[in-house]
Amino acid sequence: MPHIKDIKKKLLSTGITGQYVHGSQLTTGWVTIEKGSTLGLHQHPHEQITVMLEGRMEMKIGNETVMLESGMIQVIPSNVPHSAIAHEDCKLIDVFNPVREDYRSE
């Protein structure tokens, strides 16, 4: 069983890194985001659930803007455009279904 410290980090964007574990049906990631970092507008076929552990992050999901804070959970439906900006340093867990094959380590 892997320990989070032993999982290779994947750079998603400047100031945003994730460490991912893949099951047969889903991907779970531990993500850290530095204050001020942004993730540009994108979409994917995966349903995503984000659990904010620490920090504050503003997300635009479709036509809605939400401020995620520690303890909040956000569901992002499949193929819905979304983006984010960190207002504080953040730690979060992302879960994707189906598996994010593009996040597997090389």
Protein backbone atom coordinates (compact mmCIF):
# COMPACT_ATOMS: atom_id res chain seq x y z
CA MET A 1 0.00 0.00 0.00
CA PRO A 2 1.61 3.31 -1.05
CA HIS A 3 2.18 6.24 1.26
CA ILE A 4 1.28 9.71 -0.08
CA LYS A 5 4.90 10.86 0.32
CA ASP A 6 6.02 8.09 -2.07
CA ILE A 7 3.60 8.96 -4.90
CA LYS A 8 5.20 10.87 -7.77
CA LYS A 9 4.03 14.50 -8.11
CA LYS A 10 2.43 15.63 -11.38
CA LEU A 11 2.65 19.32 -12.30
CA LEU A 12 -0.82 20.33 -13.51
CA SER A 13 -0.09 24.04 -13.93
CA THR A 14 2.32 26.56 -12.39
CA GLY A 15 1.88 26.27 -8.61
CA ILE A 16 -0.47 23.26 -8.83
CA THR A 17 0.69 19.70 -8.20
CA GLY A 18 -1.18 16.45 -7.75
CA GLN A 19 -0.38 12.96 -6.58
CA TYR A 20 -2.73 10.30 -7.96
CA VAL A 21 -3.81 6.75 -7.22
CA HIS A 22 -5.86 4.84 -9.79
CA GLY A 23 -8.39 2.09 -9.18
CA SER A 24 -10.27 0.19 -11.86
CA GLN A 25 -13.11 2.76 -11.99
CA LEU A 26 -11.80 6.01 -10.49
CA THR A 27 -8.80 8.20 -9.78
CA THR A 28 -8.16 9.90 -6.44
CA GLY A 29 -5.67 12.74 -6.09
CA TRP A 30 -4.04 14.77 -3.32
CA VAL A 31 -3.61 18.27 -4.78
CA THR A 32 -1.68 21.27 -3.47
CA ILE A 33 -2.19 24.74 -4.91
CA GLU A 34 -0.10 27.81 -4.12
CA LYS A 35 -1.88 31.08 -3.40
CA GLY A 36 -2.49 33.02 -6.64
CA SER A 37 -2.18 29.98 -8.89
CA THR A 38 -4.79 29.53 -11.59
CA LEU A 39 -6.13 26.59 -13.53
CA GLY A 40 -7.49 27.80 -16.84
CA LEU A 41 -10.91 27.00 -18.24
CA HIS A 42 -11.08 23.36 -19.26
CA GLN A 43 -13.44 20.42 -19.34
CA HIS A 44 -13.15 16.64 -19.41
CA PRO A 45 -15.46 13.64 -19.69
CA HIS A 46 -14.80 12.68 -16.06
CA GLU A 47 -17.20 13.52 -13.27
CA GLN A 48 -15.13 15.21 -10.53
CA ILE A 49 -15.67 15.64 -6.81
CA THR A 50 -13.40 18.14 -5.02
CA VAL A 51 -13.03 18.08 -1.22
CA MET A 52 -11.34 21.21 0.18
CA LEU A 53 -9.13 20.31 3.12
CA GLU A 54 -7.39 23.67 3.61
CA GLY A 55 -7.47 27.12 2.04
CA ARG A 56 -9.84 29.12 -0.17
CA MET A 57 -10.30 28.67 -3.91
CA GLU A 58 -12.68 30.39 -6.29
CA MET A 59 -14.09 28.16 -9.01
CA LYS A 60 -16.15 28.95 -12.05
CA ILE A 61 -18.23 25.91 -12.97
CA GLY A 62 -20.37 26.40 -16.03
CA ASN A 63 -22.13 29.74 -15.41
CA GLU A 64 -21.77 29.58 -11.61
CA THR A 65 -18.97 30.99 -9.45
CA VAL A 66 -18.36 29.34 -6.06
CA MET A 67 -15.86 30.00 -3.26
CA LEU A 68 -14.62 26.72 -1.84
CA GLU A 69 -13.33 26.83 1.74
CA SER A 70 -12.03 24.21 4.14
CA GLY A 71 -14.56 21.42 4.63
CA MET A 72 -16.60 22.16 1.49
CA ILE A 73 -17.32 19.62 -1.26
CA GLN A 74 -18.03 20.47 -4.89
CA VAL A 75 -19.35 18.14 -7.60
CA ILE A 76 -18.30 19.04 -11.15
CA PRO A 77 -20.38 17.19 -13.74
CA SER A 78 -18.89 15.53 -16.77
CA ASN A 79 -18.00 17.88 -19.68
CA VAL A 80 -18.85 21.09 -17.79
CA PRO A 81 -16.24 23.85 -18.34
CA HIS A 82 -14.53 24.95 -15.12
CA SER A 83 -11.58 27.01 -13.89
CA ALA A 84 -10.03 27.96 -10.55
CA ILE A 85 -7.92 30.54 -8.74
CA ALA A 86 -6.44 30.00 -5.28
CA HIS A 87 -7.02 32.87 -2.83
CA GLU A 88 -4.89 31.05 -0.23
CA ASP A 89 -2.56 28.05 -0.26
CA CYS A 90 -4.85 25.05 -0.70
CA LYS A 91 -4.85 21.32 -0.07
CA LEU A 92 -7.65 19.27 -1.55
CA ILE A 93 -8.70 15.84 -2.69
CA ASP A 94 -10.02 15.31 -6.21
CA VAL A 95 -11.90 12.17 -7.23
CA PHE A 96 -12.57 11.38 -10.90
CA ASN A 97 -14.76 8.78 -12.57
CA PRO A 98 -13.82 7.16 -14.88
CA VAL A 99 -10.07 6.78 -14.35
CA ARG A 100 -7.91 9.73 -15.48
CA GLU A 101 -5.63 7.77 -17.81
CA ASP A 102 -3.88 11.06 -18.65
CA TYR A 103 -2.81 11.36 -14.99
CA ARG A 104 -1.05 8.01 -14.81
CA SER A 105 2.69 8.35 -14.18
CA GLU A 106 4.92 7.90 -17.18
